[in-house]
Amino acid sequence: MVITDATRPERRELHLGSAAEHARAVQQVLAVDGPFGRFAERVLVAELPDLTDDRRVRTVAFVCRRAAQTAGPPRLGVILLAALVGASERAVDPDRSTAWLRDTTLPFVGELARLVRSLAYAFVWETWPDTLPTGAPGTAP
């Protein structure tokens, strides 16, 4: 006798439940209020200290949305690094770990800050072209 999913529907339901839980966990890691979003906000506070709160919130939302849209192996890397950042927040001061991640030249590990930086800078200067290098709103000529 061949056992199929039709004969064991509870297995199929369990599998779908696991996939749904996995998808929710991934969404939480890359959410604005998840580890990746908190890391992105700390990077922006450090690198664009004069960026207004409203602009910072919009920029972090954009960075998180774009990171969630990353496909394939790069997305897996972003998720793994963001999850590690979230775990490290519990053991080490988040500002200290963010500073280390911003400054590190380690190949895989340093990519998270570079990703945030590149997406955020592109968004800020594309959306508000008169922004000063510190993030302060500039005056249009």
C-alpha atoms as a PDB file:
ATOM      1  CA  MET A   1       0.000   0.000   0.000  1.00  0.00           C
ATOM      2  CA  VAL A   2       1.296   3.429  -0.941  1.00  0.00           C
ATOM      3  CA  ILE A   3       0.877   6.127   1.673  1.00  0.00           C
ATOM      4  CA  THR A   4       0.125   9.505   0.159  1.00  0.00           C
ATOM      5  CA  ASP A   5      -0.718  12.900   1.564  1.00  0.00           C
ATOM      6  CA  ALA A   6      -4.359  12.171   0.770  1.00  0.00           C
ATOM      7  CA  THR A   7      -4.233   9.200   3.169  1.00  0.00           C
ATOM      8  CA  ARG A   8      -2.529  11.240   5.889  1.00  0.00           C
ATOM      9  CA  PRO A   9      -4.024  14.740   5.777  1.00  0.00           C
ATOM     10  CA  GLU A  10      -2.756  15.551   9.270  1.00  0.00           C
ATOM     11  CA  ARG A  11       0.789  15.472   7.926  1.00  0.00           C
ATOM     12  CA  ARG A  12      -0.077  17.974   5.210  1.00  0.00           C
ATOM     13  CA  GLU A  13      -1.694  20.301   7.764  1.00  0.00           C
ATOM     14  CA  LEU A  14       1.334  20.042  10.008  1.00  0.00           C
ATOM     15  CA  HIS A  15       3.602  20.901   7.083  1.00  0.00           C
ATOM     16  CA  LEU A  16       1.511  23.940   6.139  1.00  0.00           C
ATOM     17  CA  GLY A  17       1.476  25.087   9.733  1.00  0.00           C
ATOM     18  CA  SER A  18       5.248  24.848   9.896  1.00  0.00           C
ATOM     19  CA  ALA A  19       5.628  26.835   6.680  1.00  0.00           C
ATOM     20  CA  ALA A  20       3.281  29.520   7.988  1.00  0.00           C
ATOM     21  CA  GLU A  21       5.194  29.711  11.261  1.00  0.00           C
ATOM     22  CA  HIS A  22       8.467  29.962   9.343  1.00  0.00           C
ATOM     23  CA  ALA A  23       7.104  32.780   7.175  1.00  0.00           C
ATOM     24  CA  ARG A  24       5.896  34.681  10.262  1.00  0.00           C
ATOM     25  CA  ALA A  25       9.285  34.266  11.948  1.00  0.00           C
ATOM     26  CA  VAL A  26      11.078  35.590   8.852  1.00  0.00           C
ATOM     27  CA  GLN A  27       8.687  38.545   8.638  1.00  0.00           C
ATOM     28  CA  GLN A  28       9.291  39.343  12.306  1.00  0.00           C
ATOM     29  CA  VAL A  29      13.083  39.312  11.851  1.00  0.00           C
ATOM     30  CA  LEU A  30      12.894  41.759   8.929  1.00  0.00           C
ATOM     31  CA  ALA A  31      10.065  43.908  10.331  1.00  0.00           C
ATOM     32  CA  VAL A  32      10.503  47.540  11.309  1.00  0.00           C
ATOM     33  CA  ASP A  33      10.156  46.590  14.981  1.00  0.00           C
ATOM     34  CA  GLY A  34      12.212  43.401  14.553  1.00  0.00           C
ATOM     35  CA  PRO A  35      15.975  42.962  14.926  1.00  0.00           C
ATOM     36  CA  PHE A  36      16.720  44.182  11.396  1.00  0.00           C
ATOM     37  CA  GLY A  37      14.579  47.298  11.772  1.00  0.00           C
ATOM     38  CA  ARG A  38      16.090  48.167  15.146  1.00  0.00           C
ATOM     39  CA  PHE A  39      19.580  47.678  13.703  1.00  0.00           C
ATOM     40  CA  ALA A  40      18.747  49.869  10.684  1.00  0.00           C
ATOM     41  CA  GLU A  41      17.453  52.606  12.971  1.00  0.00           C
ATOM     42  CA  ARG A  42      20.604  52.543  15.110  1.00  0.00           C
ATOM     43  CA  VAL A  43      22.766  52.734  11.979  1.00  0.00           C
ATOM     44  CA  LEU A  44      20.805  55.772  10.786  1.00  0.00           C
ATOM     45  CA  VAL A  45      20.999  57.475  14.174  1.00  0.00           C
ATOM     46  CA  ALA A  46      24.777  57.029  14.152  1.00  0.00           C
ATOM     47  CA  GLU A  47      25.427  57.969  10.528  1.00  0.00           C
ATOM     48  CA  LEU A  48      22.728  60.577   9.883  1.00  0.00           C
ATOM     49  CA  PRO A  49      22.255  62.052  13.378  1.00  0.00           C
ATOM     50  CA  ASP A  50      20.263  65.072  12.201  1.00  0.00           C
ATOM     51  CA  LEU A  51      17.716  63.078  10.199  1.00  0.00           C
ATOM     52  CA  THR A  52      14.286  63.995  11.533  1.00  0.00           C
ATOM     53  CA  ASP A  53      12.235  61.332  13.295  1.00  0.00           C
ATOM     54  CA  ASP A  54       9.625  61.282  10.539  1.00  0.00           C
ATOM     55  CA  ARG A  55      12.254  60.808   7.845  1.00  0.00           C
ATOM     56  CA  ARG A  56      14.062  58.160   9.883  1.00  0.00           C
ATOM     57  CA  VAL A  57      10.834  56.171  10.359  1.00  0.00           C
ATOM     58  CA  ARG A  58      10.086  56.313   6.620  1.00  0.00           C
ATOM     59  CA  THR A  59      13.668  55.369   5.746  1.00  0.00           C
ATOM     60  CA  VAL A  60      13.741  52.391   8.120  1.00  0.00           C
ATOM     61  CA  ALA A  61      10.413  51.195   6.713  1.00  0.00           C
ATOM     62  CA  PHE A  62      11.845  51.404   3.180  1.00  0.00           C
ATOM     63  CA  VAL A  63      15.037  49.553   4.155  1.00  0.00           C
ATOM     64  CA  CYS A  64      13.062  46.770   5.854  1.00  0.00           C
ATOM     65  CA  ARG A  65      10.673  46.455   2.929  1.00  0.00           C
ATOM     66  CA  ARG A  66      13.534  46.196   0.427  1.00  0.00           C
ATOM     67  CA  ALA A  67      15.427  43.692   2.593  1.00  0.00           C
ATOM     68  CA  ALA A  68      12.297  41.529   2.750  1.00  0.00           C
ATOM     69  CA  GLN A  69      12.113  41.628  -1.064  1.00  0.00           C
ATOM     70  CA  THR A  70      15.654  40.335  -1.485  1.00  0.00           C
ATOM     71  CA  ALA A  71      15.603  36.963  -3.240  1.00  0.00           C
ATOM     72  CA  GLY A  72      17.547  33.746  -2.881  1.00  0.00           C
ATOM     73  CA  PRO A  73      20.835  33.335  -1.006  1.00  0.00           C
ATOM     74  CA  PRO A  74      21.272  37.052  -0.223  1.00  0.00           C
ATOM     75  CA  ARG A  75      17.920  37.010   1.573  1.00  0.00           C
ATOM     76  CA  LEU A  76      18.998  34.002   3.614  1.00  0.00           C
ATOM     77  CA  GLY A  77      22.153  35.881   4.578  1.00  0.00           C
ATOM     78  CA  VAL A  78      20.189  38.969   5.608  1.00  0.00           C
ATOM     79  CA  ILE A  79      17.803  36.857   7.685  1.00  0.00           C
ATOM     80  CA  LEU A  80      20.629  34.962   9.400  1.00  0.00           C
ATOM     81  CA  LEU A  81      22.587  38.114  10.197  1.00  0.00           C
ATOM     82  CA  ALA A  82      19.479  39.938  11.419  1.00  0.00           C
ATOM     83  CA  ALA A  83      18.572  36.987  13.647  1.00  0.00           C
ATOM     84  CA  LEU A  84      22.109  36.980  15.061  1.00  0.00           C
ATOM     85  CA  VAL A  85      21.850  40.722  15.685  1.00  0.00           C
ATOM     86  CA  GLY A  86      18.581  40.101  17.527  1.00  0.00           C
ATOM     87  CA  ALA A  87      20.193  37.400  19.655  1.00  0.00           C
ATOM     88  CA  SER A  88      23.212  39.574  20.397  1.00  0.00           C
ATOM     89  CA  GLU A  89      20.919  42.388  21.579  1.00  0.00           C
ATOM     90  CA  ARG A  90      20.079  40.230  24.570  1.00  0.00           C
ATOM     91  CA  ALA A  91      23.709  39.688  25.555  1.00  0.00           C
ATOM     92  CA  VAL A  92      25.512  42.859  24.478  1.00  0.00           C
ATOM     93  CA  ASP A  93      24.542  46.512  24.463  1.00  0.00           C
ATOM     94  CA  PRO A  94      22.788  47.039  21.092  1.00  0.00           C
ATOM     95  CA  ASP A  95      24.641  50.291  20.418  1.00  0.00           C
ATOM     96  CA  ARG A  96      27.957  48.564  21.001  1.00  0.00           C
ATOM     97  CA  SER A  97      27.163  45.675  18.669  1.00  0.00           C
ATOM     98  CA  THR A  98      25.848  48.109  16.036  1.00  0.00           C
ATOM     99  CA  ALA A  99      29.057  50.126  16.224  1.00  0.00           C
ATOM    100  CA  TRP A 100      31.099  46.950  15.777  1.00  0.00           C
ATOM    101  CA  LEU A 101      28.987  45.791  12.826  1.00  0.00           C
ATOM    102  CA  ARG A 102      29.235  49.230  11.194  1.00  0.00           C
ATOM    103  CA  ASP A 103      33.030  49.244  11.461  1.00  0.00           C
ATOM    104  CA  THR A 104      33.898  45.619  10.780  1.00  0.00           C
ATOM    105  CA  THR A 105      35.570  44.598   7.555  1.00  0.00           C
ATOM    106  CA  LEU A 106      34.746  40.924   8.002  1.00  0.00           C
ATOM    107  CA  PRO A 107      33.343  39.569   4.744  1.00  0.00           C
ATOM    108  CA  PHE A 108      29.792  38.289   5.411  1.00  0.00           C
ATOM    109  CA  VAL A 109      29.244  40.067   8.731  1.00  0.00           C
ATOM    110  CA  GLY A 110      29.963  43.602   7.524  1.00  0.00           C
ATOM    111  CA  GLU A 111      27.481  43.263   4.677  1.00  0.00           C
ATOM    112  CA  LEU A 112      24.468  43.914   6.893  1.00  0.00           C
ATOM    113  CA  ALA A 113      25.555  47.472   7.735  1.00  0.00           C
ATOM    114  CA  ARG A 114      26.585  48.082   4.119  1.00  0.00           C
ATOM    115  CA  LEU A 115      23.157  46.921   2.929  1.00  0.00           C
ATOM    116  CA  VAL A 116      21.357  49.212   5.371  1.00  0.00           C
ATOM    117  CA  ARG A 117      23.660  52.110   4.537  1.00  0.00           C
ATOM    118  CA  SER A 118      23.285  51.778   0.768  1.00  0.00           C
ATOM    119  CA  LEU A 119      19.491  51.409   0.837  1.00  0.00           C
ATOM    120  CA  ALA A 120      19.044  54.208   3.364  1.00  0.00           C
ATOM    121  CA  TYR A 121      21.331  56.685   1.620  1.00  0.00           C
ATOM    122  CA  ALA A 122      19.704  56.023  -1.735  1.00  0.00           C
ATOM    123  CA  PHE A 123      16.235  56.494  -0.247  1.00  0.00           C
ATOM    124  CA  VAL A 124      17.102  59.636   1.710  1.00  0.00           C
ATOM    125  CA  TRP A 125      18.786  61.474  -1.142  1.00  0.00           C
ATOM    126  CA  GLU A 126      16.300  60.306  -3.752  1.00  0.00           C
ATOM    127  CA  THR A 127      13.310  61.295  -1.621  1.00  0.00           C
ATOM    128  CA  TRP A 128      14.741  64.484  -0.120  1.00  0.00           C
ATOM    129  CA  PRO A 129      17.546  65.662  -2.461  1.00  0.00           C
ATOM    130  CA  ASP A 130      18.290  68.778  -0.399  1.00  0.00           C
ATOM    131  CA  THR A 131      19.270  66.694   2.670  1.00  0.00           C
ATOM    132  CA  LEU A 132      22.588  67.714   4.201  1.00  0.00           C
ATOM    133  CA  PRO A 133      25.343  65.110   4.840  1.00  0.00           C
ATOM    134  CA  THR A 134      24.337  64.929   8.514  1.00  0.00           C
ATOM    135  CA  GLY A 135      20.747  64.107   7.568  1.00  0.00           C
ATOM    136  CA  ALA A 136      19.394  67.551   8.398  1.00  0.00           C
ATOM    137  CA  PRO A 137      16.781  68.925   6.025  1.00  0.00           C
ATOM    138  CA  GLY A 138      18.368  71.408   3.660  1.00  0.00           C
ATOM    139  CA  THR A 139      16.843  74.448   2.119  1.00  0.00           C
ATOM    140  CA  ALA A 140      15.882  74.340  -1.501  1.00  0.00           C
ATOM    141  CA  PRO A 141      17.732  76.960  -3.579  1.00  0.00           C
END
